[in-house]
Amino acid sequence: MTKADIIERISSGTGLTKLETEAVVNGFISIVKDSLLDGERVDLRGFGSFGVQHRAARTARNPRTNQPVHVPATYVPFFKPSREFRKNVDRSITGRTDAE
């Protein structure tokens, strides 16, 4: 699913025009990006959380030459789905119910 597909579905479900819906979706994405750039965590109850994780510097190996390569420390964005969302996805794809 692409951003255009998301805009289409929201637009048809809410009655907003595609331009209005695109502005809302772009605004949401912008706020999440800006929050992560400021080091803030974004929690969406029942869906999951977005955050920034620190990855420490390490030494890796070049597989072609087997030489050690220094990998500097970085900060990377991540998404962690909520427990409820993970269970719903599992049930939907596997067809299992809670009783099984």
PDB file of N, CA and C in Angstrom:
ATOM      1  N   MET A   1       0.848  -1.166   0.000  1.00  0.00           N
ATOM      2  CA  MET A   1       0.000   0.000   0.000  1.00  0.00           C
ATOM      3  C   MET A   1       0.898   1.235   0.000  1.00  0.00           C
ATOM      4  N   THR A   2       0.552   2.182  -0.831  1.00  0.00           N
ATOM      5  CA  THR A   2       1.330   3.410  -0.938  1.00  0.00           C
ATOM      6  C   THR A   2       0.606   4.552  -0.227  1.00  0.00           C
ATOM      7  N   LYS A   3       1.287   5.684  -0.126  1.00  0.00           N
ATOM      8  CA  LYS A   3       0.674   6.863   0.484  1.00  0.00           C
ATOM      9  C   LYS A   3      -0.565   7.283  -0.302  1.00  0.00           C
ATOM     10  N   ALA A   4      -0.515   7.169  -1.617  1.00  0.00           N
ATOM     11  CA  ALA A   4      -1.674   7.511  -2.450  1.00  0.00           C
ATOM     12  C   ALA A   4      -2.859   6.587  -2.145  1.00  0.00           C
ATOM     13  N   ASP A   5      -2.594   5.313  -1.905  1.00  0.00           N
ATOM     14  CA  ASP A   5      -3.658   4.367  -1.544  1.00  0.00           C
ATOM     15  C   ASP A   5      -4.269   4.735  -0.197  1.00  0.00           C
ATOM     16  N   ILE A   6      -3.432   5.125   0.748  1.00  0.00           N
ATOM     17  CA  ILE A   6      -3.920   5.524   2.067  1.00  0.00           C
ATOM     18  C   ILE A   6      -4.808   6.758   1.937  1.00  0.00           C
ATOM     19  N   ILE A   7      -4.355   7.729   1.165  1.00  0.00           N
ATOM     20  CA  ILE A   7      -5.139   8.951   0.952  1.00  0.00           C
ATOM     21  C   ILE A   7      -6.471   8.616   0.314  1.00  0.00           C
ATOM     22  N   GLU A   8      -6.467   7.727  -0.662  1.00  0.00           N
ATOM     23  CA  GLU A   8      -7.701   7.318  -1.350  1.00  0.00           C
ATOM     24  C   GLU A   8      -8.684   6.677  -0.369  1.00  0.00           C
ATOM     25  N   ARG A   9      -8.204   5.761   0.449  1.00  0.00           N
ATOM     26  CA  ARG A   9      -9.087   5.068   1.399  1.00  0.00           C
ATOM     27  C   ARG A   9      -9.647   6.010   2.456  1.00  0.00           C
ATOM     28  N   ILE A  10      -8.794   6.878   2.995  1.00  0.00           N
ATOM     29  CA  ILE A  10      -9.272   7.826   4.004  1.00  0.00           C
ATOM     30  C   ILE A  10     -10.268   8.790   3.390  1.00  0.00           C
ATOM     31  N   SER A  11      -9.973   9.259   2.193  1.00  0.00           N
ATOM     32  CA  SER A  11     -10.855  10.198   1.507  1.00  0.00           C
ATOM     33  C   SER A  11     -12.235   9.595   1.264  1.00  0.00           C
ATOM     34  N   SER A  12     -12.276   8.360   0.786  1.00  0.00           N
ATOM     35  CA  SER A  12     -13.570   7.729   0.508  1.00  0.00           C
ATOM     36  C   SER A  12     -14.310   7.381   1.798  1.00  0.00           C
ATOM     37  N   GLY A  13     -13.590   7.145   2.885  1.00  0.00           N
ATOM     38  CA  GLY A  13     -14.224   6.786   4.146  1.00  0.00           C
ATOM     39  C   GLY A  13     -14.710   7.972   4.967  1.00  0.00           C
ATOM     40  N   THR A  14     -14.131   9.155   4.725  1.00  0.00           N
ATOM     41  CA  THR A  14     -14.479  10.318   5.540  1.00  0.00           C
ATOM     42  C   THR A  14     -15.297  11.366   4.811  1.00  0.00           C
ATOM     43  N   GLY A  15     -15.296  11.329   3.494  1.00  0.00           N
ATOM     44  CA  GLY A  15     -15.999  12.360   2.740  1.00  0.00           C
ATOM     45  C   GLY A  15     -15.148  13.592   2.492  1.00  0.00           C
ATOM     46  N   LEU A  16     -13.914  13.599   2.971  1.00  0.00           N
ATOM     47  CA  LEU A  16     -13.009  14.708   2.679  1.00  0.00           C
ATOM     48  C   LEU A  16     -12.508  14.574   1.244  1.00  0.00           C
ATOM     49  N   THR A  17     -12.112  15.694   0.674  1.00  0.00           N
ATOM     50  CA  THR A  17     -11.542  15.631  -0.674  1.00  0.00           C
ATOM     51  C   THR A  17     -10.154  15.007  -0.578  1.00  0.00           C
ATOM     52  N   LYS A  18      -9.641  14.580  -1.716  1.00  0.00           N
ATOM     53  CA  LYS A  18      -8.301  13.991  -1.717  1.00  0.00           C
ATOM     54  C   LYS A  18      -7.252  15.024  -1.316  1.00  0.00           C
ATOM     55  N   LEU A  19      -7.444  16.280  -1.710  1.00  0.00           N
ATOM     56  CA  LEU A  19      -6.487  17.327  -1.340  1.00  0.00           C
ATOM     57  C   LEU A  19      -6.498  17.570   0.166  1.00  0.00           C
ATOM     58  N   GLU A  20      -7.678  17.604   0.765  1.00  0.00           N
ATOM     59  CA  GLU A  20      -7.778  17.779   2.216  1.00  0.00           C
ATOM     60  C   GLU A  20      -7.151  16.595   2.943  1.00  0.00           C
ATOM     61  N   THR A  21      -7.455  15.408   2.459  1.00  0.00           N
ATOM     62  CA  THR A  21      -6.911  14.196   3.077  1.00  0.00           C
ATOM     63  C   THR A  21      -5.397  14.159   2.942  1.00  0.00           C
ATOM     64  N   GLU A  22      -4.884  14.537   1.783  1.00  0.00           N
ATOM     65  CA  GLU A  22      -3.437  14.557   1.578  1.00  0.00           C
ATOM     66  C   GLU A  22      -2.770  15.528   2.553  1.00  0.00           C
ATOM     67  N   ALA A  23      -3.406  16.683   2.785  1.00  0.00           N
ATOM     68  CA  ALA A  23      -2.855  17.661   3.734  1.00  0.00           C
ATOM     69  C   ALA A  23      -2.810  17.073   5.148  1.00  0.00           C
ATOM     70  N   VAL A  24      -3.847  16.349   5.537  1.00  0.00           N
ATOM     71  CA  VAL A  24      -3.884  15.736   6.866  1.00  0.00           C
ATOM     72  C   VAL A  24      -2.810  14.658   6.989  1.00  0.00           C
ATOM     73  N   VAL A  25      -2.705  13.787   5.987  1.00  0.00           N
ATOM     74  CA  VAL A  25      -1.703  12.706   6.021  1.00  0.00           C
ATOM     75  C   VAL A  25      -0.294  13.298   6.039  1.00  0.00           C
ATOM     76  N   ASN A  26      -0.050  14.294   5.189  1.00  0.00           N
ATOM     77  CA  ASN A  26       1.271  14.933   5.170  1.00  0.00           C
ATOM     78  C   ASN A  26       1.570  15.614   6.504  1.00  0.00           C
ATOM     79  N   GLY A  27       0.547  16.229   7.106  1.00  0.00           N
ATOM     80  CA  GLY A  27       0.725  16.862   8.406  1.00  0.00           C
ATOM     81  C   GLY A  27       1.088  15.845   9.477  1.00  0.00           C
ATOM     82  N   PHE A  28       0.400  14.710   9.478  1.00  0.00           N
ATOM     83  CA  PHE A  28       0.692  13.649  10.439  1.00  0.00           C
ATOM     84  C   PHE A  28       2.129  13.156  10.281  1.00  0.00           C
ATOM     85  N   ILE A  29       2.522  12.869   9.052  1.00  0.00           N
ATOM     86  CA  ILE A  29       3.879  12.374   8.785  1.00  0.00           C
ATOM     87  C   ILE A  29       4.916  13.410   9.215  1.00  0.00           C
ATOM     88  N   SER A  30       4.637  14.677   8.946  1.00  0.00           N
ATOM     89  CA  SER A  30       5.556  15.750   9.307  1.00  0.00           C
ATOM     90  C   SER A  30       5.722  15.859  10.820  1.00  0.00           C
ATOM     91  N   ILE A  31       4.619  15.743  11.556  1.00  0.00           N
ATOM     92  CA  ILE A  31       4.687  15.826  13.011  1.00  0.00           C
ATOM     93  C   ILE A  31       5.473  14.649  13.583  1.00  0.00           C
ATOM     94  N   VAL A  32       5.249  13.449  13.054  1.00  0.00           N
ATOM     95  CA  VAL A  32       5.996  12.279  13.533  1.00  0.00           C
ATOM     96  C   VAL A  32       7.482  12.455  13.241  1.00  0.00           C
ATOM     97  N   LYS A  33       7.818  12.882  12.027  1.00  0.00           N
ATOM     98  CA  LYS A  33       9.232  13.095  11.671  1.00  0.00           C
ATOM     99  C   LYS A  33       9.879  14.137  12.571  1.00  0.00           C
ATOM    100  N   ASP A  34       9.195  15.284  12.753  1.00  0.00           N
ATOM    101  CA  ASP A  34       9.753  16.359  13.578  1.00  0.00           C
ATOM    102  C   ASP A  34       9.950  15.904  15.021  1.00  0.00           C
ATOM    103  N   SER A  35       8.998  15.143  15.537  1.00  0.00           N
ATOM    104  CA  SER A  35       9.115  14.638  16.908  1.00  0.00           C
ATOM    105  C   SER A  35      10.324  13.717  17.043  1.00  0.00           C
ATOM    106  N   LEU A  36      10.506  12.832  16.072  1.00  0.00           N
ATOM    107  CA  LEU A  36      11.650  11.914  16.115  1.00  0.00           C
ATOM    108  C   LEU A  36      12.964  12.672  15.977  1.00  0.00           C
ATOM    109  N   LEU A  37      12.978  13.693  15.136  1.00  0.00           N
ATOM    110  CA  LEU A  37      14.188  14.497  14.983  1.00  0.00           C
ATOM    111  C   LEU A  37      14.538  15.221  16.277  1.00  0.00           C
ATOM    112  N   ASP A  38      13.524  15.539  17.095  1.00  0.00           N
ATOM    113  CA  ASP A  38      13.744  16.180  18.398  1.00  0.00           C
ATOM    114  C   ASP A  38      14.022  15.157  19.495  1.00  0.00           C
ATOM    115  N   GLY A  39      14.057  13.869  19.137  1.00  0.00           N
ATOM    116  CA  GLY A  39      14.333  12.823  20.108  1.00  0.00           C
ATOM    117  C   GLY A  39      13.115  12.418  20.928  1.00  0.00           C
ATOM    118  N   GLU A  40      11.935  12.873  20.532  1.00  0.00           N
ATOM    119  CA  GLU A  40      10.709  12.528  21.253  1.00  0.00           C
ATOM    120  C   GLU A  40      10.156  11.199  20.759  1.00  0.00           C
ATOM    121  N   ARG A  41       9.386  10.562  21.616  1.00  0.00           N
ATOM    122  CA  ARG A  41       8.714   9.311  21.275  1.00  0.00           C
ATOM    123  C   ARG A  41       7.273   9.642  20.909  1.00  0.00           C
ATOM    124  N   VAL A  42       6.720   8.938  19.923  1.00  0.00           N
ATOM    125  CA  VAL A  42       5.334   9.140  19.510  1.00  0.00           C
ATOM    126  C   VAL A  42       4.571   7.850  19.794  1.00  0.00           C
ATOM    127  N   ASP A  43       3.600   7.918  20.705  1.00  0.00           N
ATOM    128  CA  ASP A  43       2.812   6.743  21.089  1.00  0.00           C
ATOM    129  C   ASP A  43       1.393   6.875  20.555  1.00  0.00           C
ATOM    130  N   LEU A  44       0.951   5.858  19.827  1.00  0.00           N
ATOM    131  CA  LEU A  44      -0.421   5.796  19.337  1.00  0.00           C
ATOM    132  C   LEU A  44      -1.057   4.568  19.967  1.00  0.00           C
ATOM    133  N   ARG A  45      -1.835   4.796  21.016  1.00  0.00           N
ATOM    134  CA  ARG A  45      -2.419   3.705  21.805  1.00  0.00           C
ATOM    135  C   ARG A  45      -3.198   2.747  20.891  1.00  0.00           C
ATOM    136  N   GLY A  46      -2.940   1.463  21.043  1.00  0.00           N
ATOM    137  CA  GLY A  46      -3.607   0.438  20.254  1.00  0.00           C
ATOM    138  C   GLY A  46      -2.953   0.187  18.901  1.00  0.00           C
ATOM    139  N   PHE A  47      -1.986   1.019  18.528  1.00  0.00           N
ATOM    140  CA  PHE A  47      -1.296   0.855  17.243  1.00  0.00           C
ATOM    141  C   PHE A  47       0.177   0.550  17.464  1.00  0.00           C
ATOM    142  N   GLY A  48       0.880   1.454  18.154  1.00  0.00           N
ATOM    143  CA  GLY A  48       2.293   1.235  18.413  1.00  0.00           C
ATOM    144  C   GLY A  48       2.989   2.532  18.738  1.00  0.00           C
ATOM    145  N   SER A  49       4.312   2.486  18.742  1.00  0.00           N
ATOM    146  CA  SER A  49       5.079   3.681  19.061  1.00  0.00           C
ATOM    147  C   SER A  49       6.244   3.833  18.091  1.00  0.00           C
ATOM    148  N   PHE A  50       6.553   5.091  17.837  1.00  0.00           N
ATOM    149  CA  PHE A  50       7.708   5.457  17.027  1.00  0.00           C
ATOM    150  C   PHE A  50       8.732   6.041  17.976  1.00  0.00           C
ATOM    151  N   GLY A  51       9.986   5.754  17.752  1.00  0.00           N
ATOM    152  CA  GLY A  51      11.026   6.296  18.611  1.00  0.00           C
ATOM    153  C   GLY A  51      12.358   6.302  17.893  1.00  0.00           C
ATOM    154  N   VAL A  52      13.368   6.759  18.620  1.00  0.00           N
ATOM    155  CA  VAL A  52      14.728   6.809  18.091  1.00  0.00           C
ATOM    156  C   VAL A  52      15.598   5.952  18.999  1.00  0.00           C
ATOM    157  N   GLN A  53      16.398   5.113  18.398  1.00  0.00           N
ATOM    158  CA  GLN A  53      17.239   4.188  19.141  1.00  0.00           C
ATOM    159  C   GLN A  53      18.707   4.471  18.831  1.00  0.00           C
ATOM    160  N   HIS A  54      19.549   4.429  19.862  1.00  0.00           N
ATOM    161  CA  HIS A  54      20.986   4.642  19.673  1.00  0.00           C
ATOM    162  C   HIS A  54      21.655   3.304  19.373  1.00  0.00           C
ATOM    163  N   ARG A  55      22.437   3.297  18.336  1.00  0.00           N
ATOM    164  CA  ARG A  55      23.240   2.118  18.019  1.00  0.00           C
ATOM    165  C   ARG A  55      24.699   2.473  18.283  1.00  0.00           C
ATOM    166  N   ALA A  56      25.324   1.739  19.153  1.00  0.00           N
ATOM    167  CA  ALA A  56      26.706   2.015  19.550  1.00  0.00           C
ATOM    168  C   ALA A  56      27.676   1.738  18.404  1.00  0.00           C
ATOM    169  N   ALA A  57      28.815   2.397  18.469  1.00  0.00           N
ATOM    170  CA  ALA A  57      29.877   2.143  17.483  1.00  0.00           C
ATOM    171  C   ALA A  57      30.340   0.699  17.647  1.00  0.00           C
ATOM    172  N   ARG A  58      30.763   0.109  16.544  1.00  0.00           N
ATOM    173  CA  ARG A  58      31.211  -1.274  16.606  1.00  0.00           C
ATOM    174  C   ARG A  58      32.218  -1.528  15.494  1.00  0.00           C
ATOM    175  N   THR A  59      32.840  -2.681  15.556  1.00  0.00           N
ATOM    176  CA  THR A  59      33.754  -3.103  14.502  1.00  0.00           C
ATOM    177  C   THR A  59      33.094  -4.244  13.746  1.00  0.00           C
ATOM    178  N   ALA A  60      32.989  -4.087  12.443  1.00  0.00           N
ATOM    179  CA  ALA A  60      32.411  -5.121  11.587  1.00  0.00           C
ATOM    180  C   ALA A  60      33.518  -5.652  10.677  1.00  0.00           C
ATOM    181  N   ARG A  61      33.170  -6.605   9.856  1.00  0.00           N
ATOM    182  CA  ARG A  61      34.150  -7.150   8.909  1.00  0.00           C
ATOM    183  C   ARG A  61      33.618  -7.030   7.489  1.00  0.00           C
ATOM    184  N   ASN A  62      34.504  -6.638   6.590  1.00  0.00           N
ATOM    185  CA  ASN A  62      34.178  -6.618   5.179  1.00  0.00           C
ATOM    186  C   ASN A  62      34.172  -8.071   4.714  1.00  0.00           C
ATOM    187  N   PRO A  63      33.024  -8.598   4.246  1.00  0.00           N
ATOM    188  CA  PRO A  63      32.970 -10.018   3.889  1.00  0.00           C
ATOM    189  C   PRO A  63      33.856 -10.387   2.701  1.00  0.00           C
ATOM    190  N   ARG A  64      34.139  -9.426   1.858  1.00  0.00           N
ATOM    191  CA  ARG A  64      34.959  -9.718   0.677  1.00  0.00           C
ATOM    192  C   ARG A  64      36.442  -9.837   1.033  1.00  0.00           C
ATOM    193  N   THR A  65      36.920  -8.928   1.917  1.00  0.00           N
ATOM    194  CA  THR A  65      38.348  -8.920   2.238  1.00  0.00           C
ATOM    195  C   THR A  65      38.648  -9.436   3.642  1.00  0.00           C
ATOM    196  N   ASN A  66      37.598  -9.614   4.452  1.00  0.00           N
ATOM    197  CA  ASN A  66      37.725 -10.057   5.840  1.00  0.00           C
ATOM    198  C   ASN A  66      38.476  -9.047   6.705  1.00  0.00           C
ATOM    199  N   GLN A  67      38.583  -7.805   6.236  1.00  0.00           N
ATOM    200  CA  GLN A  67      39.245  -6.743   6.984  1.00  0.00           C
ATOM    201  C   GLN A  67      38.263  -6.097   7.963  1.00  0.00           C
ATOM    202  N   PRO A  68      38.716  -5.716   9.147  1.00  0.00           N
ATOM    203  CA  PRO A  68      37.830  -5.021  10.086  1.00  0.00           C
ATOM    204  C   PRO A  68      37.474  -3.623   9.570  1.00  0.00           C
ATOM    205  N   VAL A  69      36.233  -3.225   9.808  1.00  0.00           N
ATOM    206  CA  VAL A  69      35.741  -1.918   9.383  1.00  0.00           C
ATOM    207  C   VAL A  69      35.057  -1.276  10.583  1.00  0.00           C
ATOM    208  N   HIS A  70      35.400  -0.018  10.868  1.00  0.00           N
ATOM    209  CA  HIS A  70      34.766   0.698  11.979  1.00  0.00           C
ATOM    210  C   HIS A  70      33.408   1.226  11.520  1.00  0.00           C
ATOM    211  N   VAL A  71      32.360   0.918  12.287  1.00  0.00           N
ATOM    212  CA  VAL A  71      31.021   1.418  12.023  1.00  0.00           C
ATOM    213  C   VAL A  71      30.708   2.416  13.134  1.00  0.00           C
ATOM    214  N   PRO A  72      30.525   3.704  12.788  1.00  0.00           N
ATOM    215  CA  PRO A  72      30.304   4.714  13.825  1.00  0.00           C
ATOM    216  C   PRO A  72      28.940   4.566  14.502  1.00  0.00           C
ATOM    217  N   ALA A  73      28.800   5.169  15.662  1.00  0.00           N
ATOM    218  CA  ALA A  73      27.520   5.180  16.379  1.00  0.00           C
ATOM    219  C   ALA A  73      26.498   5.976  15.565  1.00  0.00           C
ATOM    220  N   THR A  74      25.256   5.513  15.595  1.00  0.00           N
ATOM    221  CA  THR A  74      24.190   6.205  14.866  1.00  0.00           C
ATOM    222  C   THR A  74      22.909   6.181  15.687  1.00  0.00           C
ATOM    223  N   TYR A  75      21.990   7.022  15.297  1.00  0.00           N
ATOM    224  CA  TYR A  75      20.635   7.012  15.835  1.00  0.00           C
ATOM    225  C   TYR A  75      19.712   6.612  14.704  1.00  0.00           C
ATOM    226  N   VAL A  76      18.847   5.645  14.950  1.00  0.00           N
ATOM    227  CA  VAL A  76      17.945   5.163  13.909  1.00  0.00           C
ATOM    228  C   VAL A  76      16.499   5.203  14.403  1.00  0.00           C
ATOM    229  N   PRO A  77      15.566   5.591  13.531  1.00  0.00           N
ATOM    230  CA  PRO A  77      14.159   5.560  13.920  1.00  0.00           C
ATOM    231  C   PRO A  77      13.652   4.122  13.935  1.00  0.00           C
ATOM    232  N   PHE A  78      12.653   3.864  14.796  1.00  0.00           N
ATOM    233  CA  PHE A  78      12.061   2.531  14.833  1.00  0.00           C
ATOM    234  C   PHE A  78      10.562   2.642  15.073  1.00  0.00           C
ATOM    235  N   PHE A  79       9.854   1.575  14.722  1.00  0.00           N
ATOM    236  CA  PHE A  79       8.431   1.444  15.031  1.00  0.00           C
ATOM    237  C   PHE A  79       8.242   0.153  15.800  1.00  0.00           C
ATOM    238  N   LYS A  80       7.544   0.220  16.922  1.00  0.00           N
ATOM    239  CA  LYS A  80       7.254  -0.968  17.706  1.00  0.00           C
ATOM    240  C   LYS A  80       5.736  -1.099  17.805  1.00  0.00           C
ATOM    241  N   PRO A  81       5.163  -2.131  17.181  1.00  0.00           N
ATOM    242  CA  PRO A  81       3.704  -2.291  17.244  1.00  0.00           C
ATOM    243  C   PRO A  81       3.249  -2.652  18.653  1.00  0.00           C
ATOM    244  N   SER A  82       2.024  -2.237  18.995  1.00  0.00           N
ATOM    245  CA  SER A  82       1.482  -2.566  20.317  1.00  0.00           C
ATOM    246  C   SER A  82       1.186  -4.061  20.391  1.00  0.00           C
ATOM    247  N   ARG A  83       1.102  -4.566  21.598  1.00  0.00           N
ATOM    248  CA  ARG A  83       0.809  -5.987  21.815  1.00  0.00           C
ATOM    249  C   ARG A  83      -0.531  -6.350  21.176  1.00  0.00           C
ATOM    250  N   GLU A  84      -1.532  -5.486  21.365  1.00  0.00           N
ATOM    251  CA  GLU A  84      -2.865  -5.721  20.802  1.00  0.00           C
ATOM    252  C   GLU A  84      -2.808  -5.789  19.271  1.00  0.00           C
ATOM    253  N   PHE A  85      -2.073  -4.879  18.664  1.00  0.00           N
ATOM    254  CA  PHE A  85      -1.952  -4.839  17.205  1.00  0.00           C
ATOM    255  C   PHE A  85      -1.246  -6.094  16.690  1.00  0.00           C
ATOM    256  N   ARG A  86      -0.170  -6.521  17.382  1.00  0.00           N
ATOM    257  CA  ARG A  86       0.546  -7.742  16.979  1.00  0.00           C
ATOM    258  C   ARG A  86      -0.376  -8.951  17.027  1.00  0.00           C
ATOM    259  N   LYS A  87      -1.178  -9.057  18.101  1.00  0.00           N
ATOM    260  CA  LYS A  87      -2.114 -10.177  18.216  1.00  0.00           C
ATOM    261  C   LYS A  87      -3.152 -10.147  17.101  1.00  0.00           C
ATOM    262  N   ASN A  88      -3.679  -8.965  16.789  1.00  0.00           N
ATOM    263  CA  ASN A  88      -4.679  -8.844  15.733  1.00  0.00           C
ATOM    264  C   ASN A  88      -4.114  -9.234  14.370  1.00  0.00           C
ATOM    265  N   VAL A  89      -2.888  -8.837  14.096  1.00  0.00           N
ATOM    266  CA  VAL A  89      -2.254  -9.199  12.821  1.00  0.00           C
ATOM    267  C   VAL A  89      -2.068 -10.711  12.748  1.00  0.00           C
ATOM    268  N   ASP A  90      -1.594 -11.308  13.837  1.00  0.00           N
ATOM    269  CA  ASP A  90      -1.382 -12.753  13.863  1.00  0.00           C
ATOM    270  C   ASP A  90      -2.702 -13.492  13.638  1.00  0.00           C
ATOM    271  N   ARG A  91      -3.759 -13.055  14.339  1.00  0.00           N
ATOM    272  CA  ARG A  91      -5.062 -13.704  14.173  1.00  0.00           C
ATOM    273  C   ARG A  91      -5.576 -13.554  12.749  1.00  0.00           C
ATOM    274  N   SER A  92      -5.415 -12.388  12.182  1.00  0.00           N
ATOM    275  CA  SER A  92      -5.924 -12.121  10.846  1.00  0.00           C
ATOM    276  C   SER A  92      -5.215 -12.971   9.785  1.00  0.00           C
ATOM    277  N   ILE A  93      -3.913 -13.094   9.911  1.00  0.00           N
ATOM    278  CA  ILE A  93      -3.154 -13.826   8.898  1.00  0.00           C
ATOM    279  C   ILE A  93      -3.227 -15.327   9.093  1.00  0.00           C
ATOM    280  N   THR A  94      -3.169 -15.781  10.342  1.00  0.00           N
ATOM    281  CA  THR A  94      -3.174 -17.231  10.580  1.00  0.00           C
ATOM    282  C   THR A  94      -4.584 -17.801  10.681  1.00  0.00           C
ATOM    283  N   GLY A  95      -5.567 -16.944  10.934  1.00  0.00           N
ATOM    284  CA  GLY A  95      -6.942 -17.415  11.060  1.00  0.00           C
ATOM    285  C   GLY A  95      -7.253 -18.028  12.405  1.00  0.00           C
ATOM    286  N   ARG A  96      -6.299 -17.907  13.360  1.00  0.00           N
ATOM    287  CA  ARG A  96      -6.506 -18.450  14.701  1.00  0.00           C
ATOM    288  C   ARG A  96      -7.445 -17.578  15.509  1.00  0.00           C
ATOM    289  N   THR A  97      -8.070 -18.170  16.495  1.00  0.00           N
ATOM    290  CA  THR A  97      -8.888 -17.427  17.449  1.00  0.00           C
ATOM    291  C   THR A  97      -8.231 -17.524  18.812  1.00  0.00           C
ATOM    292  N   ASP A  98      -8.742 -16.798  19.788  1.00  0.00           N
ATOM    293  CA  ASP A  98      -8.164 -16.828  21.140  1.00  0.00           C
ATOM    294  C   ASP A  98      -8.317 -18.194  21.782  1.00  0.00           C
ATOM    295  N   ALA A  99      -9.349 -18.956  21.396  1.00  0.00           N
ATOM    296  CA  ALA A  99      -9.615 -20.257  22.019  1.00  0.00           C
ATOM    297  C   ALA A  99      -8.581 -21.294  21.607  1.00  0.00           C
ATOM    298  N   GLU A 100      -7.897 -21.107  20.502  1.00  0.00           N
ATOM    299  CA  GLU A 100      -6.953 -22.122  20.006  1.00  0.00           C
ATOM    300  C   GLU A 100      -5.643 -22.084  20.736  1.00  0.00           C
TER     301      GLU A 100
END
